[in-house]
Amino acid sequence: VPGYPQTPWRNPKEPLVRRPPTLSELTGP
């Protein structure tokens, strides 16, 4: 968000890398 300096900290600078979800992402809470 322009003018909101915290938003760049929350977003990656490099392109996302797709990988299949593992058990740790697909279970819980």
mmCIF file of all heavy atoms, coordinates in Angstrom:
data_MODEL
# 
_entry.id   MODEL 
# 
loop_
_atom_site.group_PDB 
_atom_site.id 
_atom_site.type_symbol 
_atom_site.label_atom_id 
_atom_site.label_alt_id 
_atom_site.label_comp_id 
_atom_site.label_asym_id 
_atom_site.label_entity_id 
_atom_site.label_seq_id 
_atom_site.pdbx_PDB_ins_code 
_atom_site.Cartn_x 
_atom_site.Cartn_y 
_atom_site.Cartn_z 
_atom_site.occupancy 
_atom_site.B_iso_or_equiv 
_atom_site.pdbx_formal_charge 
_atom_site.auth_seq_id 
_atom_site.auth_comp_id 
_atom_site.auth_asym_id 
_atom_site.auth_atom_id 
_atom_site.pdbx_PDB_model_num 
ATOM 1   N N   . VAL A 1 1  ? 0.847  -1.187  0.000  1.00 0.00 ? 1  VAL A N   1 
ATOM 2   C CA  . VAL A 1 1  ? 0.000  0.000   0.000  1.00 0.00 ? 1  VAL A CA  1 
ATOM 3   C C   . VAL A 1 1  ? 0.886  1.241   0.000  1.00 0.00 ? 1  VAL A C   1 
ATOM 4   O O   . VAL A 1 1  ? 1.678  1.432   0.939  1.00 0.00 ? 1  VAL A O   1 
ATOM 5   C CB  . VAL A 1 1  ? -0.925 0.013   1.231  1.00 0.00 ? 1  VAL A CB  1 
ATOM 6   C CG1 . VAL A 1 1  ? -1.790 1.264   1.235  1.00 0.00 ? 1  VAL A CG1 1 
ATOM 7   C CG2 . VAL A 1 1  ? -1.799 -1.244  1.261  1.00 0.00 ? 1  VAL A CG2 1 
ATOM 8   N N   . PRO A 1 2  ? 0.814  2.075   -1.029 1.00 0.00 ? 2  PRO A N   1 
ATOM 9   C CA  . PRO A 1 2  ? 1.640  3.286   -1.061 1.00 0.00 ? 2  PRO A CA  1 
ATOM 10  C C   . PRO A 1 2  ? 1.392  4.160   0.171  1.00 0.00 ? 2  PRO A C   1 
ATOM 11  O O   . PRO A 1 2  ? 0.244  4.393   0.560  1.00 0.00 ? 2  PRO A O   1 
ATOM 12  C CB  . PRO A 1 2  ? 1.180  3.985   -2.346 1.00 0.00 ? 2  PRO A CB  1 
ATOM 13  C CG  . PRO A 1 2  ? 0.622  2.884   -3.205 1.00 0.00 ? 2  PRO A CG  1 
ATOM 14  C CD  . PRO A 1 2  ? -0.002 1.920   -2.247 1.00 0.00 ? 2  PRO A CD  1 
ATOM 15  N N   . GLY A 1 3  ? 2.458  4.621   0.787  1.00 0.00 ? 3  GLY A N   1 
ATOM 16  C CA  . GLY A 1 3  ? 2.339  5.476   1.950  1.00 0.00 ? 3  GLY A CA  1 
ATOM 17  C C   . GLY A 1 3  ? 2.138  4.734   3.253  1.00 0.00 ? 3  GLY A C   1 
ATOM 18  O O   . GLY A 1 3  ? 1.966  5.365   4.300  1.00 0.00 ? 3  GLY A O   1 
ATOM 19  N N   . TYR A 1 4  ? 2.164  3.400   3.211  1.00 0.00 ? 4  TYR A N   1 
ATOM 20  C CA  . TYR A 1 4  ? 2.015  2.610   4.441  1.00 0.00 ? 4  TYR A CA  1 
ATOM 21  C C   . TYR A 1 4  ? 3.237  1.701   4.526  1.00 0.00 ? 4  TYR A C   1 
ATOM 22  O O   . TYR A 1 4  ? 3.250  0.596   3.978  1.00 0.00 ? 4  TYR A O   1 
ATOM 23  C CB  . TYR A 1 4  ? 0.724  1.811   4.410  1.00 0.00 ? 4  TYR A CB  1 
ATOM 24  C CG  . TYR A 1 4  ? 0.323  1.242   5.740  1.00 0.00 ? 4  TYR A CG  1 
ATOM 25  C CD1 . TYR A 1 4  ? 0.471  1.965   6.918  1.00 0.00 ? 4  TYR A CD1 1 
ATOM 26  C CD2 . TYR A 1 4  ? -0.242 -0.028  5.840  1.00 0.00 ? 4  TYR A CD2 1 
ATOM 27  C CE1 . TYR A 1 4  ? 0.089  1.458   8.139  1.00 0.00 ? 4  TYR A CE1 1 
ATOM 28  C CE2 . TYR A 1 4  ? -0.621 -0.552  7.065  1.00 0.00 ? 4  TYR A CE2 1 
ATOM 29  C CZ  . TYR A 1 4  ? -0.459 0.200   8.209  1.00 0.00 ? 4  TYR A CZ  1 
ATOM 30  O OH  . TYR A 1 4  ? -0.835 -0.317  9.423  1.00 0.00 ? 4  TYR A OH  1 
ATOM 31  N N   . PRO A 1 5  ? 4.298  2.139   5.194  1.00 0.00 ? 5  PRO A N   1 
ATOM 32  C CA  . PRO A 1 5  ? 5.596  1.457   5.089  1.00 0.00 ? 5  PRO A CA  1 
ATOM 33  C C   . PRO A 1 5  ? 5.633  0.049   5.660  1.00 0.00 ? 5  PRO A C   1 
ATOM 34  O O   . PRO A 1 5  ? 6.535  -0.709  5.340  1.00 0.00 ? 5  PRO A O   1 
ATOM 35  C CB  . PRO A 1 5  ? 6.537  2.394   5.871  1.00 0.00 ? 5  PRO A CB  1 
ATOM 36  C CG  . PRO A 1 5  ? 5.654  3.184   6.773  1.00 0.00 ? 5  PRO A CG  1 
ATOM 37  C CD  . PRO A 1 5  ? 4.365  3.349   6.035  1.00 0.00 ? 5  PRO A CD  1 
ATOM 38  N N   . GLN A 1 6  ? 4.643  -0.332  6.486  1.00 0.00 ? 6  GLN A N   1 
ATOM 39  C CA  . GLN A 1 6  ? 4.671  -1.680  7.034  1.00 0.00 ? 6  GLN A CA  1 
ATOM 40  C C   . GLN A 1 6  ? 4.301  -2.750  6.013  1.00 0.00 ? 6  GLN A C   1 
ATOM 41  O O   . GLN A 1 6  ? 4.694  -3.910  6.157  1.00 0.00 ? 6  GLN A O   1 
ATOM 42  C CB  . GLN A 1 6  ? 3.713  -1.790  8.238  1.00 0.00 ? 6  GLN A CB  1 
ATOM 43  C CG  . GLN A 1 6  ? 4.203  -1.091  9.494  1.00 0.00 ? 6  GLN A CG  1 
ATOM 44  C CD  . GLN A 1 6  ? 3.852  0.391   9.500  1.00 0.00 ? 6  GLN A CD  1 
ATOM 45  O OE1 . GLN A 1 6  ? 3.419  0.923   8.480  1.00 0.00 ? 6  GLN A OE1 1 
ATOM 46  N NE2 . GLN A 1 6  ? 4.047  1.049   10.634 1.00 0.00 ? 6  GLN A NE2 1 
ATOM 47  N N   . THR A 1 7  ? 3.540  -2.387  4.984  1.00 0.00 ? 7  THR A N   1 
ATOM 48  C CA  . THR A 1 7  ? 3.062  -3.415  4.058  1.00 0.00 ? 7  THR A CA  1 
ATOM 49  C C   . THR A 1 7  ? 4.172  -4.096  3.262  1.00 0.00 ? 7  THR A C   1 
ATOM 50  O O   . THR A 1 7  ? 4.065  -5.297  2.991  1.00 0.00 ? 7  THR A O   1 
ATOM 51  C CB  . THR A 1 7  ? 1.999  -2.844  3.102  1.00 0.00 ? 7  THR A CB  1 
ATOM 52  O OG1 . THR A 1 7  ? 2.483  -1.643  2.498  1.00 0.00 ? 7  THR A OG1 1 
ATOM 53  C CG2 . THR A 1 7  ? 0.722  -2.543  3.849  1.00 0.00 ? 7  THR A CG2 1 
ATOM 54  N N   . PRO A 1 8  ? 5.262  -3.429  2.863  1.00 0.00 ? 8  PRO A N   1 
ATOM 55  C CA  . PRO A 1 8  ? 6.325  -4.184  2.180  1.00 0.00 ? 8  PRO A CA  1 
ATOM 56  C C   . PRO A 1 8  ? 6.957  -5.258  3.058  1.00 0.00 ? 8  PRO A C   1 
ATOM 57  O O   . PRO A 1 8  ? 7.463  -6.258  2.546  1.00 0.00 ? 8  PRO A O   1 
ATOM 58  C CB  . PRO A 1 8  ? 7.345  -3.094  1.816  1.00 0.00 ? 8  PRO A CB  1 
ATOM 59  C CG  . PRO A 1 8  ? 6.563  -1.831  1.772  1.00 0.00 ? 8  PRO A CG  1 
ATOM 60  C CD  . PRO A 1 8  ? 5.518  -1.979  2.834  1.00 0.00 ? 8  PRO A CD  1 
ATOM 61  N N   . TRP A 1 9  ? 6.926  -5.075  4.385  1.00 0.00 ? 9  TRP A N   1 
ATOM 62  C CA  . TRP A 1 9  ? 7.516  -6.069  5.269  1.00 0.00 ? 9  TRP A CA  1 
ATOM 63  C C   . TRP A 1 9  ? 6.702  -7.364  5.268  1.00 0.00 ? 9  TRP A C   1 
ATOM 64  O O   . TRP A 1 9  ? 7.218  -8.424  5.593  1.00 0.00 ? 9  TRP A O   1 
ATOM 65  C CB  . TRP A 1 9  ? 7.572  -5.533  6.703  1.00 0.00 ? 9  TRP A CB  1 
ATOM 66  C CG  . TRP A 1 9  ? 8.281  -4.237  6.853  1.00 0.00 ? 9  TRP A CG  1 
ATOM 67  C CD1 . TRP A 1 9  ? 9.127  -3.642  5.947  1.00 0.00 ? 9  TRP A CD1 1 
ATOM 68  C CD2 . TRP A 1 9  ? 8.210  -3.350  7.970  1.00 0.00 ? 9  TRP A CD2 1 
ATOM 69  N NE1 . TRP A 1 9  ? 9.586  -2.436  6.434  1.00 0.00 ? 9  TRP A NE1 1 
ATOM 70  C CE2 . TRP A 1 9  ? 9.048  -2.236  7.669  1.00 0.00 ? 9  TRP A CE2 1 
ATOM 71  C CE3 . TRP A 1 9  ? 7.541  -3.395  9.186  1.00 0.00 ? 9  TRP A CE3 1 
ATOM 72  C CZ2 . TRP A 1 9  ? 9.195  -1.174  8.557  1.00 0.00 ? 9  TRP A CZ2 1 
ATOM 73  C CZ3 . TRP A 1 9  ? 7.705  -2.335  10.073 1.00 0.00 ? 9  TRP A CZ3 1 
ATOM 74  C CH2 . TRP A 1 9  ? 8.519  -1.243  9.754  1.00 0.00 ? 9  TRP A CH2 1 
ATOM 75  N N   . ARG A 1 10 ? 5.426  -7.274  4.902  1.00 0.00 ? 10 ARG A N   1 
ATOM 76  C CA  . ARG A 1 10 ? 4.530  -8.425  4.987  1.00 0.00 ? 10 ARG A CA  1 
ATOM 77  C C   . ARG A 1 10 ? 4.402  -9.173  3.674  1.00 0.00 ? 10 ARG A C   1 
ATOM 78  O O   . ARG A 1 10 ? 3.634  -10.130 3.574  1.00 0.00 ? 10 ARG A O   1 
ATOM 79  C CB  . ARG A 1 10 ? 3.133  -7.965  5.425  1.00 0.00 ? 10 ARG A CB  1 
ATOM 80  C CG  . ARG A 1 10 ? 3.123  -7.237  6.768  1.00 0.00 ? 10 ARG A CG  1 
ATOM 81  C CD  . ARG A 1 10 ? 1.788  -6.582  6.999  1.00 0.00 ? 10 ARG A CD  1 
ATOM 82  N NE  . ARG A 1 10 ? 1.758  -5.846  8.254  1.00 0.00 ? 10 ARG A NE  1 
ATOM 83  C CZ  . ARG A 1 10 ? 0.921  -4.845  8.524  1.00 0.00 ? 10 ARG A CZ  1 
ATOM 84  N NH1 . ARG A 1 10 ? 0.067  -4.458  7.606  1.00 0.00 ? 10 ARG A NH1 1 
ATOM 85  N NH2 . ARG A 1 10 ? 0.950  -4.238  9.696  1.00 0.00 ? 10 ARG A NH2 1 
ATOM 86  N N   . ASN A 1 11 ? 5.104  -8.721  2.651  1.00 0.00 ? 11 ASN A N   1 
ATOM 87  C CA  . ASN A 1 11 ? 4.958  -9.325  1.335  1.00 0.00 ? 11 ASN A CA  1 
ATOM 88  C C   . ASN A 1 11 ? 6.328  -9.676  0.760  1.00 0.00 ? 11 ASN A C   1 
ATOM 89  O O   . ASN A 1 11 ? 7.290  -8.917  0.916  1.00 0.00 ? 11 ASN A O   1 
ATOM 90  C CB  . ASN A 1 11 ? 4.238  -8.362  0.382  1.00 0.00 ? 11 ASN A CB  1 
ATOM 91  C CG  . ASN A 1 11 ? 2.781  -8.196  0.733  1.00 0.00 ? 11 ASN A CG  1 
ATOM 92  O OD1 . ASN A 1 11 ? 1.953  -9.007  0.352  1.00 0.00 ? 11 ASN A OD1 1 
ATOM 93  N ND2 . ASN A 1 11 ? 2.453  -7.147  1.486  1.00 0.00 ? 11 ASN A ND2 1 
ATOM 94  N N   . PRO A 1 12 ? 6.418  -10.823 0.073  1.00 0.00 ? 12 PRO A N   1 
ATOM 95  C CA  . PRO A 1 12 ? 7.718  -11.240 -0.488 1.00 0.00 ? 12 PRO A CA  1 
ATOM 96  C C   . PRO A 1 12 ? 8.144  -10.352 -1.640 1.00 0.00 ? 12 PRO A C   1 
ATOM 97  O O   . PRO A 1 12 ? 7.324  -9.855  -2.415 1.00 0.00 ? 12 PRO A O   1 
ATOM 98  C CB  . PRO A 1 12 ? 7.436  -12.673 -0.961 1.00 0.00 ? 12 PRO A CB  1 
ATOM 99  C CG  . PRO A 1 12 ? 5.958  -12.719 -1.194 1.00 0.00 ? 12 PRO A CG  1 
ATOM 100 C CD  . PRO A 1 12 ? 5.348  -11.808 -0.169 1.00 0.00 ? 12 PRO A CD  1 
ATOM 101 N N   . LYS A 1 13 ? 9.441  -10.157 -1.754 1.00 0.00 ? 13 LYS A N   1 
ATOM 102 C CA  . LYS A 1 13 ? 9.984  -9.362  -2.857 1.00 0.00 ? 13 LYS A CA  1 
ATOM 103 C C   . LYS A 1 13 ? 10.210 -10.210 -4.104 1.00 0.00 ? 13 LYS A C   1 
ATOM 104 O O   . LYS A 1 13 ? 10.278 -9.683  -5.209 1.00 0.00 ? 13 LYS A O   1 
ATOM 105 C CB  . LYS A 1 13 ? 11.297 -8.711  -2.418 1.00 0.00 ? 13 LYS A CB  1 
ATOM 106 C CG  . LYS A 1 13 ? 11.154 -7.692  -1.302 1.00 0.00 ? 13 LYS A CG  1 
ATOM 107 C CD  . LYS A 1 13 ? 12.503 -7.062  -0.965 1.00 0.00 ? 13 LYS A CD  1 
ATOM 108 C CE  . LYS A 1 13 ? 12.370 -6.027  0.131  1.00 0.00 ? 13 LYS A CE  1 
ATOM 109 N NZ  . LYS A 1 13 ? 13.681 -5.410  0.486  1.00 0.00 ? 13 LYS A NZ  1 
ATOM 110 N N   . GLU A 1 14 ? 10.365 -11.519 -3.915 1.00 0.00 ? 14 GLU A N   1 
ATOM 111 C CA  . GLU A 1 14 ? 10.620 -12.412 -5.034 1.00 0.00 ? 14 GLU A CA  1 
ATOM 112 C C   . GLU A 1 14 ? 9.332  -13.147 -5.430 1.00 0.00 ? 14 GLU A C   1 
ATOM 113 O O   . GLU A 1 14 ? 8.400  -13.262 -4.634 1.00 0.00 ? 14 GLU A O   1 
ATOM 114 C CB  . GLU A 1 14 ? 11.699 -13.434 -4.660 1.00 0.00 ? 14 GLU A CB  1 
ATOM 115 C CG  . GLU A 1 14 ? 13.033 -12.816 -4.263 1.00 0.00 ? 14 GLU A CG  1 
ATOM 116 C CD  . GLU A 1 14 ? 13.681 -12.055 -5.394 1.00 0.00 ? 14 GLU A CD  1 
ATOM 117 O OE1 . GLU A 1 14 ? 13.448 -12.437 -6.555 1.00 0.00 ? 14 GLU A OE1 1 
ATOM 118 O OE2 . GLU A 1 14 ? 14.407 -11.077 -5.115 1.00 0.00 ? 14 GLU A OE2 1 
ATOM 119 N N   . PRO A 1 15 ? 9.267  -13.655 -6.687 1.00 0.00 ? 15 PRO A N   1 
ATOM 120 C CA  . PRO A 1 15 ? 8.083  -14.410 -7.110 1.00 0.00 ? 15 PRO A CA  1 
ATOM 121 C C   . PRO A 1 15 ? 7.855  -15.623 -6.210 1.00 0.00 ? 15 PRO A C   1 
ATOM 122 O O   . PRO A 1 15 ? 8.799  -16.249 -5.720 1.00 0.00 ? 15 PRO A O   1 
ATOM 123 C CB  . PRO A 1 15 ? 8.427  -14.830 -8.551 1.00 0.00 ? 15 PRO A CB  1 
ATOM 124 C CG  . PRO A 1 15 ? 9.470  -13.841 -8.983 1.00 0.00 ? 15 PRO A CG  1 
ATOM 125 C CD  . PRO A 1 15 ? 10.254 -13.490 -7.768 1.00 0.00 ? 15 PRO A CD  1 
ATOM 126 N N   . LEU A 1 16 ? 6.581  -15.949 -6.016 1.00 0.00 ? 16 LEU A N   1 
ATOM 127 C CA  . LEU A 1 16 ? 6.239  -17.081 -5.172 1.00 0.00 ? 16 LEU A CA  1 
ATOM 128 C C   . LEU A 1 16 ? 6.623  -18.395 -5.845 1.00 0.00 ? 16 LEU A C   1 
ATOM 129 O O   . LEU A 1 16 ? 6.572  -18.531 -7.075 1.00 0.00 ? 16 LEU A O   1 
ATOM 130 C CB  . LEU A 1 16 ? 4.743  -17.080 -4.876 1.00 0.00 ? 16 LEU A CB  1 
ATOM 131 C CG  . LEU A 1 16 ? 4.200  -15.842 -4.134 1.00 0.00 ? 16 LEU A CG  1 
ATOM 132 C CD1 . LEU A 1 16 ? 2.698  -15.996 -3.908 1.00 0.00 ? 16 LEU A CD1 1 
ATOM 133 C CD2 . LEU A 1 16 ? 4.922  -15.626 -2.824 1.00 0.00 ? 16 LEU A CD2 1 
ATOM 134 N N   . VAL A 1 17 ? 7.000  -19.365 -5.055 1.00 0.00 ? 17 VAL A N   1 
ATOM 135 C CA  . VAL A 1 17 ? 7.334  -20.700 -5.534 1.00 0.00 ? 17 VAL A CA  1 
ATOM 136 C C   . VAL A 1 17 ? 6.228  -21.647 -5.090 1.00 0.00 ? 17 VAL A C   1 
ATOM 137 O O   . VAL A 1 17 ? 5.952  -21.781 -3.896 1.00 0.00 ? 17 VAL A O   1 
ATOM 138 C CB  . VAL A 1 17 ? 8.692  -21.172 -4.972 1.00 0.00 ? 17 VAL A CB  1 
ATOM 139 C CG1 . VAL A 1 17 ? 8.987  -22.599 -5.419 1.00 0.00 ? 17 VAL A CG1 1 
ATOM 140 C CG2 . VAL A 1 17 ? 9.802  -20.224 -5.409 1.00 0.00 ? 17 VAL A CG2 1 
ATOM 141 N N   . ARG A 1 18 ? 5.569  -22.267 -6.051 1.00 0.00 ? 18 ARG A N   1 
ATOM 142 C CA  . ARG A 1 18 ? 4.473  -23.176 -5.717 1.00 0.00 ? 18 ARG A CA  1 
ATOM 143 C C   . ARG A 1 18 ? 5.030  -24.534 -5.268 1.00 0.00 ? 18 ARG A C   1 
ATOM 144 O O   . ARG A 1 18 ? 5.891  -25.109 -5.919 1.00 0.00 ? 18 ARG A O   1 
ATOM 145 C CB  . ARG A 1 18 ? 3.558  -23.374 -6.924 1.00 0.00 ? 18 ARG A CB  1 
ATOM 146 C CG  . ARG A 1 18 ? 2.374  -24.304 -6.663 1.00 0.00 ? 18 ARG A CG  1 
ATOM 147 C CD  . ARG A 1 18 ? 1.513  -24.440 -7.901 1.00 0.00 ? 18 ARG A CD  1 
ATOM 148 N NE  . ARG A 1 18 ? 0.894  -23.175 -8.253 1.00 0.00 ? 18 ARG A NE  1 
ATOM 149 C CZ  . ARG A 1 18 ? -0.252 -22.732 -7.712 1.00 0.00 ? 18 ARG A CZ  1 
ATOM 150 N NH1 . ARG A 1 18 ? -0.868 -23.467 -6.799 1.00 0.00 ? 18 ARG A NH1 1 
ATOM 151 N NH2 . ARG A 1 18 ? -0.760 -21.580 -8.090 1.00 0.00 ? 18 ARG A NH2 1 
ATOM 152 N N   . ARG A 1 19 ? 4.548  -25.035 -4.180 1.00 0.00 ? 19 ARG A N   1 
ATOM 153 C CA  . ARG A 1 19 ? 4.902  -26.371 -3.724 1.00 0.00 ? 19 ARG A CA  1 
ATOM 154 C C   . ARG A 1 19 ? 3.665  -27.019 -3.133 1.00 0.00 ? 19 ARG A C   1 
ATOM 155 O O   . ARG A 1 19 ? 2.778  -26.332 -2.618 1.00 0.00 ? 19 ARG A O   1 
ATOM 156 C CB  . ARG A 1 19 ? 6.031  -26.326 -2.693 1.00 0.00 ? 19 ARG A CB  1 
ATOM 157 C CG  . ARG A 1 19 ? 5.678  -25.699 -1.368 1.00 0.00 ? 19 ARG A CG  1 
ATOM 158 C CD  . ARG A 1 19 ? 6.845  -25.810 -0.402 1.00 0.00 ? 19 ARG A CD  1 
ATOM 159 N NE  . ARG A 1 19 ? 6.553  -25.226 0.899  1.00 0.00 ? 19 ARG A NE  1 
ATOM 160 C CZ  . ARG A 1 19 ? 5.899  -25.864 1.876  1.00 0.00 ? 19 ARG A CZ  1 
ATOM 161 N NH1 . ARG A 1 19 ? 5.473  -27.113 1.680  1.00 0.00 ? 19 ARG A NH1 1 
ATOM 162 N NH2 . ARG A 1 19 ? 5.671  -25.271 3.030  1.00 0.00 ? 19 ARG A NH2 1 
ATOM 163 N N   . PRO A 1 20 ? 3.561  -28.321 -3.199 1.00 0.00 ? 20 PRO A N   1 
ATOM 164 C CA  . PRO A 1 20 ? 2.362  -28.989 -2.677 1.00 0.00 ? 20 PRO A CA  1 
ATOM 165 C C   . PRO A 1 20 ? 2.294  -28.861 -1.166 1.00 0.00 ? 20 PRO A C   1 
ATOM 166 O O   . PRO A 1 20 ? 3.317  -28.964 -0.471 1.00 0.00 ? 20 PRO A O   1 
ATOM 167 C CB  . PRO A 1 20 ? 2.561  -30.444 -3.113 1.00 0.00 ? 20 PRO A CB  1 
ATOM 168 C CG  . PRO A 1 20 ? 4.034  -30.597 -3.302 1.00 0.00 ? 20 PRO A CG  1 
ATOM 169 C CD  . PRO A 1 20 ? 4.514  -29.276 -3.796 1.00 0.00 ? 20 PRO A CD  1 
ATOM 170 N N   . PRO A 1 21 ? 1.087  -28.619 -0.618 1.00 0.00 ? 21 PRO A N   1 
ATOM 171 C CA  . PRO A 1 21 ? 0.939  -28.561 0.834  1.00 0.00 ? 21 PRO A CA  1 
ATOM 172 C C   . PRO A 1 21 ? 1.296  -29.904 1.473  1.00 0.00 ? 21 PRO A C   1 
ATOM 173 O O   . PRO A 1 21 ? 1.033  -30.969 0.909  1.00 0.00 ? 21 PRO A O   1 
ATOM 174 C CB  . PRO A 1 21 ? -0.542 -28.236 1.030  1.00 0.00 ? 21 PRO A CB  1 
ATOM 175 C CG  . PRO A 1 21 ? -0.985 -27.629 -0.259 1.00 0.00 ? 21 PRO A CG  1 
ATOM 176 C CD  . PRO A 1 21 ? -0.174 -28.316 -1.310 1.00 0.00 ? 21 PRO A CD  1 
ATOM 177 N N   . THR A 1 22 ? 1.921  -29.855 2.630  1.00 0.00 ? 22 THR A N   1 
ATOM 178 C CA  . THR A 1 22 ? 2.270  -31.071 3.366  1.00 0.00 ? 22 THR A CA  1 
ATOM 179 C C   . THR A 1 22 ? 1.315  -31.233 4.546  1.00 0.00 ? 22 THR A C   1 
ATOM 180 O O   . THR A 1 22 ? 0.408  -30.421 4.765  1.00 0.00 ? 22 THR A O   1 
ATOM 181 C CB  . THR A 1 22 ? 3.717  -30.983 3.871  1.00 0.00 ? 22 THR A CB  1 
ATOM 182 O OG1 . THR A 1 22 ? 3.820  -29.892 4.802  1.00 0.00 ? 22 THR A OG1 1 
ATOM 183 C CG2 . THR A 1 22 ? 4.683  -30.746 2.720  1.00 0.00 ? 22 THR A CG2 1 
ATOM 184 N N   . LEU A 1 23 ? 1.540  -32.274 5.321  1.00 0.00 ? 23 LEU A N   1 
ATOM 185 C CA  . LEU A 1 23 ? 0.654  -32.564 6.438  1.00 0.00 ? 23 LEU A CA  1 
ATOM 186 C C   . LEU A 1 23 ? 0.600  -31.417 7.435  1.00 0.00 ? 23 LEU A C   1 
ATOM 187 O O   . LEU A 1 23 ? -0.447 -31.145 8.037  1.00 0.00 ? 23 LEU A O   1 
ATOM 188 C CB  . LEU A 1 23 ? 1.125  -33.849 7.140  1.00 0.00 ? 23 LEU A CB  1 
ATOM 189 C CG  . LEU A 1 23 ? 0.175  -34.421 8.206  1.00 0.00 ? 23 LEU A CG  1 
ATOM 190 C CD1 . LEU A 1 23 ? -1.141 -34.836 7.580  1.00 0.00 ? 23 LEU A CD1 1 
ATOM 191 C CD2 . LEU A 1 23 ? 0.836  -35.596 8.915  1.00 0.00 ? 23 LEU A CD2 1 
ATOM 192 N N   . SER A 1 24 ? 1.712  -30.706 7.600  1.00 0.00 ? 24 SER A N   1 
ATOM 193 C CA  . SER A 1 24 ? 1.738  -29.619 8.578  1.00 0.00 ? 24 SER A CA  1 
ATOM 194 C C   . SER A 1 24 ? 0.830  -28.462 8.171  1.00 0.00 ? 24 SER A C   1 
ATOM 195 O O   . SER A 1 24 ? 0.330  -27.729 9.025  1.00 0.00 ? 24 SER A O   1 
ATOM 196 C CB  . SER A 1 24 ? 3.164  -29.105 8.771  1.00 0.00 ? 24 SER A CB  1 
ATOM 197 O OG  . SER A 1 24 ? 3.667  -28.593 7.552  1.00 0.00 ? 24 SER A OG  1 
ATOM 198 N N   . GLU A 1 25 ? 0.604  -28.258 6.854  1.00 0.00 ? 25 GLU A N   1 
ATOM 199 C CA  . GLU A 1 25 ? -0.304 -27.210 6.413  1.00 0.00 ? 25 GLU A CA  1 
ATOM 200 C C   . GLU A 1 25 ? -1.754 -27.685 6.346  1.00 0.00 ? 25 GLU A C   1 
ATOM 201 O O   . GLU A 1 25 ? -2.675 -26.887 6.481  1.00 0.00 ? 25 GLU A O   1 
ATOM 202 C CB  . GLU A 1 25 ? 0.085  -26.692 5.019  1.00 0.00 ? 25 GLU A CB  1 
ATOM 203 C CG  . GLU A 1 25 ? 1.359  -25.864 4.983  1.00 0.00 ? 25 GLU A CG  1 
ATOM 204 C CD  . GLU A 1 25 ? 2.589  -26.711 4.808  1.00 0.00 ? 25 GLU A CD  1 
ATOM 205 O OE1 . GLU A 1 25 ? 2.492  -27.764 4.144  1.00 0.00 ? 25 GLU A OE1 1 
ATOM 206 O OE2 . GLU A 1 25 ? 3.634  -26.346 5.370  1.00 0.00 ? 25 GLU A OE2 1 
ATOM 207 N N   . LEU A 1 26 ? -1.958 -28.975 6.117  1.00 0.00 ? 26 LEU A N   1 
ATOM 208 C CA  . LEU A 1 26 ? -3.298 -29.490 5.882  1.00 0.00 ? 26 LEU A CA  1 
ATOM 209 C C   . LEU A 1 26 ? -3.972 -30.034 7.125  1.00 0.00 ? 26 LEU A C   1 
ATOM 210 O O   . LEU A 1 26 ? -5.098 -30.523 7.059  1.00 0.00 ? 26 LEU A O   1 
ATOM 211 C CB  . LEU A 1 26 ? -3.252 -30.594 4.809  1.00 0.00 ? 26 LEU A CB  1 
ATOM 212 C CG  . LEU A 1 26 ? -2.762 -30.140 3.432  1.00 0.00 ? 26 LEU A CG  1 
ATOM 213 C CD1 . LEU A 1 26 ? -2.690 -31.302 2.472  1.00 0.00 ? 26 LEU A CD1 1 
ATOM 214 C CD2 . LEU A 1 26 ? -3.676 -29.053 2.881  1.00 0.00 ? 26 LEU A CD2 1 
ATOM 215 N N   . THR A 1 27 ? -3.326 -29.970 8.267  1.00 0.00 ? 27 THR A N   1 
ATOM 216 C CA  . THR A 1 27 ? -3.941 -30.439 9.506  1.00 0.00 ? 27 THR A CA  1 
ATOM 217 C C   . THR A 1 27 ? -3.908 -29.339 10.545 1.00 0.00 ? 27 THR A C   1 
ATOM 218 O O   . THR A 1 27 ? -3.077 -28.433 10.484 1.00 0.00 ? 27 THR A O   1 
ATOM 219 C CB  . THR A 1 27 ? -3.200 -31.661 10.064 1.00 0.00 ? 27 THR A CB  1 
ATOM 220 O OG1 . THR A 1 27 ? -1.832 -31.295 10.289 1.00 0.00 ? 27 THR A OG1 1 
ATOM 221 C CG2 . THR A 1 27 ? -3.249 -32.821 9.107  1.00 0.00 ? 27 THR A CG2 1 
ATOM 222 N N   . GLY A 1 28 ? -4.851 -29.438 11.498 1.00 0.00 ? 28 GLY A N   1 
ATOM 223 C CA  . GLY A 1 28 ? -4.936 -28.473 12.573 1.00 0.00 ? 28 GLY A CA  1 
ATOM 224 C C   . GLY A 1 28 ? -5.309 -27.096 12.054 1.00 0.00 ? 28 GLY A C   1 
ATOM 225 O O   . GLY A 1 28 ? -5.333 -26.868 10.858 1.00 0.00 ? 28 GLY A O   1 
ATOM 226 N N   . PRO A 1 29 ? -5.656 -26.161 12.915 1.00 0.00 ? 29 PRO A N   1 
ATOM 227 C CA  . PRO A 1 29 ? -5.753 -26.374 14.358 1.00 0.00 ? 29 PRO A CA  1 
ATOM 228 C C   . PRO A 1 29 ? -7.011 -27.154 14.732 1.00 0.00 ? 29 PRO A C   1 
ATOM 229 O O   . PRO A 1 29 ? -8.104 -26.776 14.324 1.00 0.00 ? 29 PRO A O   1 
ATOM 230 C CB  . PRO A 1 29 ? -5.811 -24.941 14.910 1.00 0.00 ? 29 PRO A CB  1 
ATOM 231 C CG  . PRO A 1 29 ? -6.405 -24.133 13.800 1.00 0.00 ? 29 PRO A CG  1 
ATOM 232 C CD  . PRO A 1 29 ? -5.952 -24.784 12.526 1.00 0.00 ? 29 PRO A CD  1 
# 
